[in-house]
mmCIF file of all heavy atoms, coordinates in Angstrom:
data_MODEL
# 
_entry.id   MODEL 
# 
loop_
_atom_site.group_PDB 
_atom_site.id 
_atom_site.type_symbol 
_atom_site.label_atom_id 
_atom_site.label_alt_id 
_atom_site.label_comp_id 
_atom_site.label_asym_id 
_atom_site.label_entity_id 
_atom_site.label_seq_id 
_atom_site.pdbx_PDB_ins_code 
_atom_site.Cartn_x 
_atom_site.Cartn_y 
_atom_site.Cartn_z 
_atom_site.occupancy 
_atom_site.B_iso_or_equiv 
_atom_site.pdbx_formal_charge 
_atom_site.auth_seq_id 
_atom_site.auth_comp_id 
_atom_site.auth_asym_id 
_atom_site.auth_atom_id 
_atom_site.pdbx_PDB_model_num 
ATOM 1   N N   . VAL A 1 1  ? 72.469 31.298 79.210 1.00 0.00 ? 1  VAL A N   1 
ATOM 2   C CA  . VAL A 1 1  ? 72.771 31.731 77.805 1.00 0.00 ? 1  VAL A CA  1 
ATOM 3   C C   . VAL A 1 1  ? 72.623 33.230 77.639 1.00 0.00 ? 1  VAL A C   1 
ATOM 4   O O   . VAL A 1 1  ? 73.474 33.868 77.045 1.00 0.00 ? 1  VAL A O   1 
ATOM 5   C CB  . VAL A 1 1  ? 71.805 30.954 76.851 1.00 0.00 ? 1  VAL A CB  1 
ATOM 6   C CG1 . VAL A 1 1  ? 72.033 31.509 75.426 1.00 0.00 ? 1  VAL A CG1 1 
ATOM 7   C CG2 . VAL A 1 1  ? 72.049 29.478 76.890 1.00 0.00 ? 1  VAL A CG2 1 
ATOM 8   N N   . ARG A 1 2  ? 71.603 33.783 78.286 1.00 0.00 ? 2  ARG A N   1 
ATOM 9   C CA  . ARG A 1 2  ? 71.406 35.240 78.178 1.00 0.00 ? 2  ARG A CA  1 
ATOM 10  C C   . ARG A 1 2  ? 72.599 35.965 78.833 1.00 0.00 ? 2  ARG A C   1 
ATOM 11  O O   . ARG A 1 2  ? 73.193 36.909 78.255 1.00 0.00 ? 2  ARG A O   1 
ATOM 12  C CB  . ARG A 1 2  ? 70.132 35.700 78.888 1.00 0.00 ? 2  ARG A CB  1 
ATOM 13  C CG  . ARG A 1 2  ? 69.851 37.231 78.930 1.00 0.00 ? 2  ARG A CG  1 
ATOM 14  C CD  . ARG A 1 2  ? 68.873 37.599 79.970 1.00 0.00 ? 2  ARG A CD  1 
ATOM 15  N NE  . ARG A 1 2  ? 69.368 37.183 81.301 1.00 0.00 ? 2  ARG A NE  1 
ATOM 16  C CZ  . ARG A 1 2  ? 68.526 37.246 82.354 1.00 0.00 ? 2  ARG A CZ  1 
ATOM 17  N NH1 . ARG A 1 2  ? 67.311 37.654 82.246 1.00 0.00 ? 2  ARG A NH1 1 
ATOM 18  N NH2 . ARG A 1 2  ? 68.969 36.937 83.576 1.00 0.00 ? 2  ARG A NH2 1 
ATOM 19  N N   . ASP A 1 3  ? 73.073 35.530 80.012 1.00 0.00 ? 3  ASP A N   1 
ATOM 20  C CA  . ASP A 1 3  ? 74.213 36.197 80.600 1.00 0.00 ? 3  ASP A CA  1 
ATOM 21  C C   . ASP A 1 3  ? 75.461 36.033 79.821 1.00 0.00 ? 3  ASP A C   1 
ATOM 22  O O   . ASP A 1 3  ? 76.263 37.021 79.687 1.00 0.00 ? 3  ASP A O   1 
ATOM 23  C CB  . ASP A 1 3  ? 74.410 35.532 81.997 1.00 0.00 ? 3  ASP A CB  1 
ATOM 24  C CG  . ASP A 1 3  ? 73.266 35.726 82.969 1.00 0.00 ? 3  ASP A CG  1 
ATOM 25  O OD1 . ASP A 1 3  ? 72.458 36.708 82.716 1.00 0.00 ? 3  ASP A OD1 1 
ATOM 26  O OD2 . ASP A 1 3  ? 73.178 35.038 83.956 1.00 0.00 ? 3  ASP A OD2 1 
ATOM 27  N N   . ALA A 1 4  ? 75.676 34.873 79.156 1.00 0.00 ? 4  ALA A N   1 
ATOM 28  C CA  . ALA A 1 4  ? 76.845 34.686 78.332 1.00 0.00 ? 4  ALA A CA  1 
ATOM 29  C C   . ALA A 1 4  ? 76.755 35.596 77.074 1.00 0.00 ? 4  ALA A C   1 
ATOM 30  O O   . ALA A 1 4  ? 77.777 36.203 76.698 1.00 0.00 ? 4  ALA A O   1 
ATOM 31  C CB  . ALA A 1 4  ? 76.898 33.224 77.917 1.00 0.00 ? 4  ALA A CB  1 
ATOM 32  N N   . PHE A 1 5  ? 75.601 35.754 76.492 1.00 0.00 ? 5  PHE A N   1 
ATOM 33  C CA  . PHE A 1 5  ? 75.397 36.627 75.380 1.00 0.00 ? 5  PHE A CA  1 
ATOM 34  C C   . PHE A 1 5  ? 75.644 38.073 75.741 1.00 0.00 ? 5  PHE A C   1 
ATOM 35  O O   . PHE A 1 5  ? 76.340 38.825 75.003 1.00 0.00 ? 5  PHE A O   1 
ATOM 36  C CB  . PHE A 1 5  ? 74.018 36.510 74.792 1.00 0.00 ? 5  PHE A CB  1 
ATOM 37  C CG  . PHE A 1 5  ? 73.839 35.262 73.887 1.00 0.00 ? 5  PHE A CG  1 
ATOM 38  C CD1 . PHE A 1 5  ? 74.813 34.294 73.886 1.00 0.00 ? 5  PHE A CD1 1 
ATOM 39  C CD2 . PHE A 1 5  ? 72.701 35.127 73.103 1.00 0.00 ? 5  PHE A CD2 1 
ATOM 40  C CE1 . PHE A 1 5  ? 74.659 33.172 72.987 1.00 0.00 ? 5  PHE A CE1 1 
ATOM 41  C CE2 . PHE A 1 5  ? 72.636 34.053 72.189 1.00 0.00 ? 5  PHE A CE2 1 
ATOM 42  C CZ  . PHE A 1 5  ? 73.563 33.053 72.226 1.00 0.00 ? 5  PHE A CZ  1 
ATOM 43  N N   . GLU A 1 6  ? 75.109 38.497 76.887 1.00 0.00 ? 6  GLU A N   1 
ATOM 44  C CA  . GLU A 1 6  ? 75.318 39.913 77.330 1.00 0.00 ? 6  GLU A CA  1 
ATOM 45  C C   . GLU A 1 6  ? 76.798 40.183 77.554 1.00 0.00 ? 6  GLU A C   1 
ATOM 46  O O   . GLU A 1 6  ? 77.255 41.292 77.277 1.00 0.00 ? 6  GLU A O   1 
ATOM 47  C CB  . GLU A 1 6  ? 74.498 40.175 78.574 1.00 0.00 ? 6  GLU A CB  1 
ATOM 48  C CG  . GLU A 1 6  ? 73.025 40.189 78.303 1.00 0.00 ? 6  GLU A CG  1 
ATOM 49  C CD  . GLU A 1 6  ? 72.168 40.461 79.570 1.00 0.00 ? 6  GLU A CD  1 
ATOM 50  O OE1 . GLU A 1 6  ? 72.775 40.398 80.736 1.00 0.00 ? 6  GLU A OE1 1 
ATOM 51  O OE2 . GLU A 1 6  ? 70.980 40.721 79.428 1.00 0.00 ? 6  GLU A OE2 1 
ATOM 52  N N   . LYS A 1 7  ? 77.493 39.233 78.210 1.00 0.00 ? 7  LYS A N   1 
ATOM 53  C CA  . LYS A 1 7  ? 78.916 39.432 78.494 1.00 0.00 ? 7  LYS A CA  1 
ATOM 54  C C   . LYS A 1 7  ? 79.746 39.554 77.188 1.00 0.00 ? 7  LYS A C   1 
ATOM 55  O O   . LYS A 1 7  ? 80.690 40.325 77.117 1.00 0.00 ? 7  LYS A O   1 
ATOM 56  C CB  . LYS A 1 7  ? 79.416 38.270 79.295 1.00 0.00 ? 7  LYS A CB  1 
ATOM 57  C CG  . LYS A 1 7  ? 80.799 38.407 79.852 1.00 0.00 ? 7  LYS A CG  1 
ATOM 58  C CD  . LYS A 1 7  ? 81.233 37.291 80.756 1.00 0.00 ? 7  LYS A CD  1 
ATOM 59  C CE  . LYS A 1 7  ? 82.531 37.466 81.449 1.00 0.00 ? 7  LYS A CE  1 
ATOM 60  N NZ  . LYS A 1 7  ? 83.006 36.400 82.302 1.00 0.00 ? 7  LYS A NZ  1 
ATOM 61  N N   . ALA A 1 8  ? 79.287 38.825 76.206 1.00 0.00 ? 8  ALA A N   1 
ATOM 62  C CA  . ALA A 1 8  ? 80.094 38.864 74.900 1.00 0.00 ? 8  ALA A CA  1 
ATOM 63  C C   . ALA A 1 8  ? 79.552 39.939 73.937 1.00 0.00 ? 8  ALA A C   1 
ATOM 64  O O   . ALA A 1 8  ? 80.053 40.171 72.858 1.00 0.00 ? 8  ALA A O   1 
ATOM 65  C CB  . ALA A 1 8  ? 80.020 37.474 74.198 1.00 0.00 ? 8  ALA A CB  1 
ATOM 66  N N   . GLY A 1 9  ? 78.393 40.617 74.357 1.00 0.00 ? 9  GLY A N   1 
ATOM 67  C CA  . GLY A 1 9  ? 77.907 41.640 73.510 1.00 0.00 ? 9  GLY A CA  1 
ATOM 68  C C   . GLY A 1 9  ? 77.211 41.172 72.291 1.00 0.00 ? 9  GLY A C   1 
ATOM 69  O O   . GLY A 1 9  ? 77.229 41.785 71.151 1.00 0.00 ? 9  GLY A O   1 
ATOM 70  N N   . VAL A 1 10 ? 76.599 39.932 72.427 1.00 0.00 ? 10 VAL A N   1 
ATOM 71  C CA  . VAL A 1 10 ? 75.977 39.286 71.250 1.00 0.00 ? 10 VAL A CA  1 
ATOM 72  C C   . VAL A 1 10 ? 74.691 40.030 70.865 1.00 0.00 ? 10 VAL A C   1 
ATOM 73  O O   . VAL A 1 10 ? 73.880 40.320 71.757 1.00 0.00 ? 10 VAL A O   1 
ATOM 74  C CB  . VAL A 1 10 ? 75.728 37.814 71.519 1.00 0.00 ? 10 VAL A CB  1 
ATOM 75  C CG1 . VAL A 1 10 ? 74.976 37.194 70.356 1.00 0.00 ? 10 VAL A CG1 1 
ATOM 76  C CG2 . VAL A 1 10 ? 76.986 37.052 71.833 1.00 0.00 ? 10 VAL A CG2 1 
ATOM 77  N N   . ILE A 1 11 ? 74.533 40.253 69.529 1.00 0.00 ? 11 ILE A N   1 
ATOM 78  C CA  . ILE A 1 11 ? 73.226 40.874 69.081 1.00 0.00 ? 11 ILE A CA  1 
ATOM 79  C C   . ILE A 1 11 ? 72.377 39.689 68.643 1.00 0.00 ? 11 ILE A C   1 
ATOM 80  O O   . ILE A 1 11 ? 72.851 38.895 67.881 1.00 0.00 ? 11 ILE A O   1 
ATOM 81  C CB  . ILE A 1 11 ? 73.541 41.831 67.901 1.00 0.00 ? 11 ILE A CB  1 
ATOM 82  C CG1 . ILE A 1 11 ? 74.404 42.987 68.342 1.00 0.00 ? 11 ILE A CG1 1 
ATOM 83  C CG2 . ILE A 1 11 ? 72.206 42.365 67.265 1.00 0.00 ? 11 ILE A CG2 1 
ATOM 84  C CD1 . ILE A 1 11 ? 74.791 43.923 67.198 1.00 0.00 ? 11 ILE A CD1 1 
ATOM 85  N N   . THR A 1 12 ? 71.167 39.668 69.097 1.00 0.00 ? 12 THR A N   1 
ATOM 86  C CA  . THR A 1 12 ? 70.229 38.560 68.819 1.00 0.00 ? 12 THR A CA  1 
ATOM 87  C C   . THR A 1 12 ? 69.151 39.000 67.790 1.00 0.00 ? 12 THR A C   1 
ATOM 88  O O   . THR A 1 12 ? 68.584 40.137 68.019 1.00 0.00 ? 12 THR A O   1 
ATOM 89  C CB  . THR A 1 12 ? 69.639 37.967 70.064 1.00 0.00 ? 12 THR A CB  1 
ATOM 90  O OG1 . THR A 1 12 ? 68.966 39.011 70.756 1.00 0.00 ? 12 THR A OG1 1 
ATOM 91  C CG2 . THR A 1 12 ? 70.666 37.309 70.927 1.00 0.00 ? 12 THR A CG2 1 
ATOM 92  N N   . ILE A 1 13 ? 68.878 38.187 66.852 1.00 0.00 ? 13 ILE A N   1 
ATOM 93  C CA  . ILE A 1 13 ? 67.816 38.563 65.806 1.00 0.00 ? 13 ILE A CA  1 
ATOM 94  C C   . ILE A 1 13 ? 67.021 37.233 65.647 1.00 0.00 ? 13 ILE A C   1 
ATOM 95  O O   . ILE A 1 13 ? 67.562 36.147 65.617 1.00 0.00 ? 13 ILE A O   1 
ATOM 96  C CB  . ILE A 1 13 ? 68.466 38.876 64.511 1.00 0.00 ? 13 ILE A CB  1 
ATOM 97  C CG1 . ILE A 1 13 ? 69.326 40.146 64.654 1.00 0.00 ? 13 ILE A CG1 1 
ATOM 98  C CG2 . ILE A 1 13 ? 67.383 39.157 63.457 1.00 0.00 ? 13 ILE A CG2 1 
ATOM 99  C CD1 . ILE A 1 13 ? 70.077 40.615 63.439 1.00 0.00 ? 13 ILE A CD1 1 
ATOM 100 N N   . VAL A 1 14 ? 65.611 37.392 65.684 1.00 0.00 ? 14 VAL A N   1 
ATOM 101 C CA  . VAL A 1 14 ? 64.833 36.241 65.424 1.00 0.00 ? 14 VAL A CA  1 
ATOM 102 C C   . VAL A 1 14 ? 63.986 36.415 64.169 1.00 0.00 ? 14 VAL A C   1 
ATOM 103 O O   . VAL A 1 14 ? 63.495 37.568 63.927 1.00 0.00 ? 14 VAL A O   1 
ATOM 104 C CB  . VAL A 1 14 ? 63.868 35.995 66.614 1.00 0.00 ? 14 VAL A CB  1 
ATOM 105 C CG1 . VAL A 1 14 ? 62.979 37.164 66.961 1.00 0.00 ? 14 VAL A CG1 1 
ATOM 106 C CG2 . VAL A 1 14 ? 63.073 34.756 66.437 1.00 0.00 ? 14 VAL A CG2 1 
ATOM 107 N N   . GLY A 1 15 ? 63.847 35.389 63.389 1.00 0.00 ? 15 GLY A N   1 
ATOM 108 C CA  . GLY A 1 15 ? 62.932 35.416 62.180 1.00 0.00 ? 15 GLY A CA  1 
ATOM 109 C C   . GLY A 1 15 ? 61.749 34.434 62.429 1.00 0.00 ? 15 GLY A C   1 
ATOM 110 O O   . GLY A 1 15 ? 61.922 33.245 62.586 1.00 0.00 ? 15 GLY A O   1 
ATOM 111 N N   . ASP A 1 16 ? 60.634 35.053 62.528 1.00 0.00 ? 16 ASP A N   1 
ATOM 112 C CA  . ASP A 1 16 ? 59.356 34.262 62.839 1.00 0.00 ? 16 ASP A CA  1 
ATOM 113 C C   . ASP A 1 16 ? 58.715 33.918 61.496 1.00 0.00 ? 16 ASP A C   1 
ATOM 114 O O   . ASP A 1 16 ? 58.196 34.739 60.771 1.00 0.00 ? 16 ASP A O   1 
ATOM 115 C CB  . ASP A 1 16 ? 58.356 35.072 63.712 1.00 0.00 ? 16 ASP A CB  1 
ATOM 116 C CG  . ASP A 1 16 ? 57.255 34.234 64.150 1.00 0.00 ? 16 ASP A CG  1 
ATOM 117 O OD1 . ASP A 1 16 ? 57.046 33.141 63.723 1.00 0.00 ? 16 ASP A OD1 1 
ATOM 118 O OD2 . ASP A 1 16 ? 56.452 34.638 65.107 1.00 0.00 ? 16 ASP A OD2 1 
ATOM 119 N N   . TRP A 1 17 ? 58.743 32.583 61.191 1.00 0.00 ? 17 TRP A N   1 
ATOM 120 C CA  . TRP A 1 17 ? 58.235 32.046 59.919 1.00 0.00 ? 17 TRP A CA  1 
ATOM 121 C C   . TRP A 1 17 ? 56.872 31.456 60.072 1.00 0.00 ? 17 TRP A C   1 
ATOM 122 O O   . TRP A 1 17 ? 56.455 30.595 59.245 1.00 0.00 ? 17 TRP A O   1 
ATOM 123 C CB  . TRP A 1 17 ? 59.267 31.104 59.343 1.00 0.00 ? 17 TRP A CB  1 
ATOM 124 C CG  . TRP A 1 17 ? 59.279 30.975 57.865 1.00 0.00 ? 17 TRP A CG  1 
ATOM 125 C CD1 . TRP A 1 17 ? 59.148 31.929 56.934 1.00 0.00 ? 17 TRP A CD1 1 
ATOM 126 C CD2 . TRP A 1 17 ? 59.413 29.745 57.129 1.00 0.00 ? 17 TRP A CD2 1 
ATOM 127 N NE1 . TRP A 1 17 ? 59.254 31.372 55.649 1.00 0.00 ? 17 TRP A NE1 1 
ATOM 128 C CE2 . TRP A 1 17 ? 59.377 30.022 55.751 1.00 0.00 ? 17 TRP A CE2 1 
ATOM 129 C CE3 . TRP A 1 17 ? 59.573 28.388 57.480 1.00 0.00 ? 17 TRP A CE3 1 
ATOM 130 C CZ2 . TRP A 1 17 ? 59.478 29.137 54.751 1.00 0.00 ? 17 TRP A CZ2 1 
ATOM 131 C CZ3 . TRP A 1 17 ? 59.705 27.411 56.519 1.00 0.00 ? 17 TRP A CZ3 1 
ATOM 132 C CH2 . TRP A 1 17 ? 59.658 27.762 55.145 1.00 0.00 ? 17 TRP A CH2 1 
ATOM 133 N N   . THR A 1 18 ? 56.193 31.713 61.208 1.00 0.00 ? 18 THR A N   1 
ATOM 134 C CA  . THR A 1 18 ? 54.840 31.112 61.383 1.00 0.00 ? 18 THR A CA  1 
ATOM 135 C C   . THR A 1 18 ? 53.899 31.462 60.237 1.00 0.00 ? 18 THR A C   1 
ATOM 136 O O   . THR A 1 18 ? 53.271 30.579 59.742 1.00 0.00 ? 18 THR A O   1 
ATOM 137 C CB  . THR A 1 18 ? 54.200 31.691 62.711 1.00 0.00 ? 18 THR A CB  1 
ATOM 138 O OG1 . THR A 1 18 ? 55.127 31.443 63.793 1.00 0.00 ? 18 THR A OG1 1 
ATOM 139 C CG2 . THR A 1 18 ? 52.860 31.045 62.959 1.00 0.00 ? 18 THR A CG2 1 
ATOM 140 N N   . LYS A 1 19 ? 53.914 32.671 59.809 1.00 0.00 ? 19 LYS A N   1 
ATOM 141 C CA  . LYS A 1 19 ? 53.168 33.054 58.565 1.00 0.00 ? 19 LYS A CA  1 
ATOM 142 C C   . LYS A 1 19 ? 54.185 33.174 57.398 1.00 0.00 ? 19 LYS A C   1 
ATOM 143 O O   . LYS A 1 19 ? 55.431 33.352 57.665 1.00 0.00 ? 19 LYS A O   1 
ATOM 144 C CB  . LYS A 1 19 ? 52.442 34.389 58.807 1.00 0.00 ? 19 LYS A CB  1 
ATOM 145 C CG  . LYS A 1 19 ? 51.341 34.308 59.853 1.00 0.00 ? 19 LYS A CG  1 
ATOM 146 C CD  . LYS A 1 19 ? 50.584 35.648 59.902 1.00 0.00 ? 19 LYS A CD  1 
ATOM 147 C CE  . LYS A 1 19 ? 49.403 35.599 60.791 1.00 0.00 ? 19 LYS A CE  1 
ATOM 148 N NZ  . LYS A 1 19 ? 48.650 36.854 60.842 1.00 0.00 ? 19 LYS A NZ  1 
ATOM 149 N N   . ARG A 1 20 ? 53.731 33.167 56.262 1.00 0.00 ? 20 ARG A N   1 
ATOM 150 C CA  . ARG A 1 20 ? 54.579 33.331 55.107 1.00 0.00 ? 20 ARG A CA  1 
ATOM 151 C C   . ARG A 1 20 ? 55.241 34.629 55.078 1.00 0.00 ? 20 ARG A C   1 
ATOM 152 O O   . ARG A 1 20 ? 54.613 35.700 55.254 1.00 0.00 ? 20 ARG A O   1 
ATOM 153 C CB  . ARG A 1 20 ? 53.736 33.077 53.799 1.00 0.00 ? 20 ARG A CB  1 
ATOM 154 C CG  . ARG A 1 20 ? 53.384 31.583 53.580 1.00 0.00 ? 20 ARG A CG  1 
ATOM 155 C CD  . ARG A 1 20 ? 52.521 31.508 52.324 1.00 0.00 ? 20 ARG A CD  1 
ATOM 156 N NE  . ARG A 1 20 ? 53.278 31.912 51.172 1.00 0.00 ? 20 ARG A NE  1 
ATOM 157 C CZ  . ARG A 1 20 ? 52.724 31.917 49.935 1.00 0.00 ? 20 ARG A CZ  1 
ATOM 158 N NH1 . ARG A 1 20 ? 51.544 31.508 49.727 1.00 0.00 ? 20 ARG A NH1 1 
ATOM 159 N NH2 . ARG A 1 20 ? 53.455 32.255 48.862 1.00 0.00 ? 20 ARG A NH2 1 
ATOM 160 N N   . ASP A 1 21 ? 56.517 34.612 54.881 1.00 0.00 ? 21 ASP A N   1 
ATOM 161 C CA  . ASP A 1 21 ? 57.396 35.813 54.845 1.00 0.00 ? 21 ASP A CA  1 
ATOM 162 C C   . ASP A 1 21 ? 58.411 35.617 53.805 1.00 0.00 ? 21 ASP A C   1 
ATOM 163 O O   . ASP A 1 21 ? 59.263 34.789 53.878 1.00 0.00 ? 21 ASP A O   1 
ATOM 164 C CB  . ASP A 1 21 ? 58.059 35.991 56.219 1.00 0.00 ? 21 ASP A CB  1 
ATOM 165 C CG  . ASP A 1 21 ? 58.820 37.361 56.287 1.00 0.00 ? 21 ASP A CG  1 
ATOM 166 O OD1 . ASP A 1 21 ? 59.654 37.549 55.502 1.00 0.00 ? 21 ASP A OD1 1 
ATOM 167 O OD2 . ASP A 1 21 ? 58.544 38.154 57.252 1.00 0.00 ? 21 ASP A OD2 1 
ATOM 168 N N   . GLU A 1 22 ? 58.218 36.396 52.637 1.00 0.00 ? 22 GLU A N   1 
ATOM 169 C CA  . GLU A 1 22 ? 59.061 36.168 51.551 1.00 0.00 ? 22 GLU A CA  1 
ATOM 170 C C   . GLU A 1 22 ? 60.536 36.468 51.774 1.00 0.00 ? 22 GLU A C   1 
ATOM 171 O O   . GLU A 1 22 ? 61.421 35.838 51.266 1.00 0.00 ? 22 GLU A O   1 
ATOM 172 C CB  . GLU A 1 22 ? 58.599 37.032 50.335 1.00 0.00 ? 22 GLU A CB  1 
ATOM 173 C CG  . GLU A 1 22 ? 57.123 36.591 49.891 1.00 0.00 ? 22 GLU A CG  1 
ATOM 174 C CD  . GLU A 1 22 ? 56.719 37.411 48.669 1.00 0.00 ? 22 GLU A CD  1 
ATOM 175 O OE1 . GLU A 1 22 ? 57.421 38.343 48.294 1.00 0.00 ? 22 GLU A OE1 1 
ATOM 176 O OE2 . GLU A 1 22 ? 55.679 37.034 48.120 1.00 0.00 ? 22 GLU A OE2 1 
ATOM 177 N N   . ALA A 1 23 ? 60.766 37.481 52.638 1.00 0.00 ? 23 ALA A N   1 
ATOM 178 C CA  . ALA A 1 23 ? 62.168 37.807 52.927 1.00 0.00 ? 23 ALA A CA  1 
ATOM 179 C C   . ALA A 1 23 ? 62.917 36.685 53.679 1.00 0.00 ? 23 ALA A C   1 
ATOM 180 O O   . ALA A 1 23 ? 64.032 36.312 53.373 1.00 0.00 ? 23 ALA A O   1 
ATOM 181 C CB  . ALA A 1 23 ? 62.247 39.088 53.811 1.00 0.00 ? 23 ALA A CB  1 
ATOM 182 N N   . ILE A 1 24 ? 62.141 36.059 54.612 1.00 0.00 ? 24 ILE A N   1 
ATOM 183 C CA  . ILE A 1 24 ? 62.740 34.921 55.408 1.00 0.00 ? 24 ILE A CA  1 
ATOM 184 C C   . ILE A 1 24 ? 62.884 33.797 54.492 1.00 0.00 ? 24 ILE A C   1 
ATOM 185 O O   . ILE A 1 24 ? 63.924 33.079 54.499 1.00 0.00 ? 24 ILE A O   1 
ATOM 186 C CB  . ILE A 1 24 ? 61.830 34.660 56.557 1.00 0.00 ? 24 ILE A CB  1 
ATOM 187 C CG1 . ILE A 1 24 ? 61.897 35.766 57.589 1.00 0.00 ? 24 ILE A CG1 1 
ATOM 188 C CG2 . ILE A 1 24 ? 62.235 33.292 57.249 1.00 0.00 ? 24 ILE A CG2 1 
ATOM 189 C CD1 . ILE A 1 24 ? 61.070 35.539 58.879 1.00 0.00 ? 24 ILE A CD1 1 
ATOM 190 N N   . THR A 1 25 ? 61.882 33.467 53.653 1.00 0.00 ? 25 THR A N   1 
ATOM 191 C CA  . THR A 1 25 ? 62.047 32.318 52.767 1.00 0.00 ? 25 THR A CA  1 
ATOM 192 C C   . THR A 1 25 ? 63.191 32.459 51.779 1.00 0.00 ? 25 THR A C   1 
ATOM 193 O O   . THR A 1 25 ? 63.929 31.508 51.633 1.00 0.00 ? 25 THR A O   1 
ATOM 194 C CB  . THR A 1 25 ? 60.722 32.147 51.890 1.00 0.00 ? 25 THR A CB  1 
ATOM 195 O OG1 . THR A 1 25 ? 59.587 32.123 52.775 1.00 0.00 ? 25 THR A OG1 1 
ATOM 196 C CG2 . THR A 1 25 ? 60.703 30.845 51.072 1.00 0.00 ? 25 THR A CG2 1 
ATOM 197 N N   . GLN A 1 26 ? 63.323 33.639 51.285 1.00 0.00 ? 26 GLN A N   1 
ATOM 198 C CA  . GLN A 1 26 ? 64.456 33.785 50.312 1.00 0.00 ? 26 GLN A CA  1 
ATOM 199 C C   . GLN A 1 26 ? 65.771 33.687 51.045 1.00 0.00 ? 26 GLN A C   1 
ATOM 200 O O   . GLN A 1 26 ? 66.748 33.053 50.541 1.00 0.00 ? 26 GLN A O   1 
ATOM 201 C CB  . GLN A 1 26 ? 64.352 35.260 49.745 1.00 0.00 ? 26 GLN A CB  1 
ATOM 202 C CG  . GLN A 1 26 ? 65.306 35.486 48.609 1.00 0.00 ? 26 GLN A CG  1 
ATOM 203 C CD  . GLN A 1 26 ? 65.096 36.859 47.873 1.00 0.00 ? 26 GLN A CD  1 
ATOM 204 O OE1 . GLN A 1 26 ? 64.529 37.740 48.478 1.00 0.00 ? 26 GLN A OE1 1 
ATOM 205 N NE2 . GLN A 1 26 ? 65.508 36.988 46.654 1.00 0.00 ? 26 GLN A NE2 1 
ATOM 206 N N   . PHE A 1 27 ? 65.876 34.191 52.278 1.00 0.00 ? 27 PHE A N   1 
ATOM 207 C CA  . PHE A 1 27 ? 67.124 34.084 53.058 1.00 0.00 ? 27 PHE A CA  1 
ATOM 208 C C   . PHE A 1 27 ? 67.419 32.583 53.352 1.00 0.00 ? 27 PHE A C   1 
ATOM 209 O O   . PHE A 1 27 ? 68.539 32.112 53.281 1.00 0.00 ? 27 PHE A O   1 
ATOM 210 C CB  . PHE A 1 27 ? 67.005 34.900 54.376 1.00 0.00 ? 27 PHE A CB  1 
ATOM 211 C CG  . PHE A 1 27 ? 68.292 34.930 55.137 1.00 0.00 ? 27 PHE A CG  1 
ATOM 212 C CD1 . PHE A 1 27 ? 69.279 35.779 54.804 1.00 0.00 ? 27 PHE A CD1 1 
ATOM 213 C CD2 . PHE A 1 27 ? 68.499 34.060 56.230 1.00 0.00 ? 27 PHE A CD2 1 
ATOM 214 C CE1 . PHE A 1 27 ? 70.482 35.832 55.559 1.00 0.00 ? 27 PHE A CE1 1 
ATOM 215 C CE2 . PHE A 1 27 ? 69.641 34.085 56.903 1.00 0.00 ? 27 PHE A CE2 1 
ATOM 216 C CZ  . PHE A 1 27 ? 70.703 34.940 56.616 1.00 0.00 ? 27 PHE A CZ  1 
ATOM 217 N N   . LEU A 1 28 ? 66.401 31.783 53.789 1.00 0.00 ? 28 LEU A N   1 
ATOM 218 C CA  . LEU A 1 28 ? 66.525 30.437 54.072 1.00 0.00 ? 28 LEU A CA  1 
ATOM 219 C C   . LEU A 1 28 ? 67.100 29.747 52.796 1.00 0.00 ? 28 LEU A C   1 
ATOM 220 O O   . LEU A 1 28 ? 68.029 28.892 52.913 1.00 0.00 ? 28 LEU A O   1 
ATOM 221 C CB  . LEU A 1 28 ? 65.243 29.820 54.517 1.00 0.00 ? 28 LEU A CB  1 
ATOM 222 C CG  . LEU A 1 28 ? 64.639 30.271 55.876 1.00 0.00 ? 28 LEU A CG  1 
ATOM 223 C CD1 . LEU A 1 28 ? 63.315 29.608 56.090 1.00 0.00 ? 28 LEU A CD1 1 
ATOM 224 C CD2 . LEU A 1 28 ? 65.570 29.860 57.018 1.00 0.00 ? 28 LEU A CD2 1 
ATOM 225 N N   . THR A 1 29 ? 66.536 30.019 51.656 1.00 0.00 ? 29 THR A N   1 
ATOM 226 C CA  . THR A 1 29 ? 67.040 29.411 50.440 1.00 0.00 ? 29 THR A CA  1 
ATOM 227 C C   . THR A 1 29 ? 68.483 29.766 50.181 1.00 0.00 ? 29 THR A C   1 
ATOM 228 O O   . THR A 1 29 ? 69.269 28.923 49.787 1.00 0.00 ? 29 THR A O   1 
ATOM 229 C CB  . THR A 1 29 ? 66.150 29.888 49.253 1.00 0.00 ? 29 THR A CB  1 
ATOM 230 O OG1 . THR A 1 29 ? 64.767 29.576 49.520 1.00 0.00 ? 29 THR A OG1 1 
ATOM 231 C CG2 . THR A 1 29 ? 66.620 29.209 47.968 1.00 0.00 ? 29 THR A CG2 1 
# 
């Protein structure tokens, strides 16, 4: 998957919701 992403130039972003995060909660909504 990493190789396929690199070949396609995919930008990856992760949202860690382990702790309360208002920006993530609002985006999920």
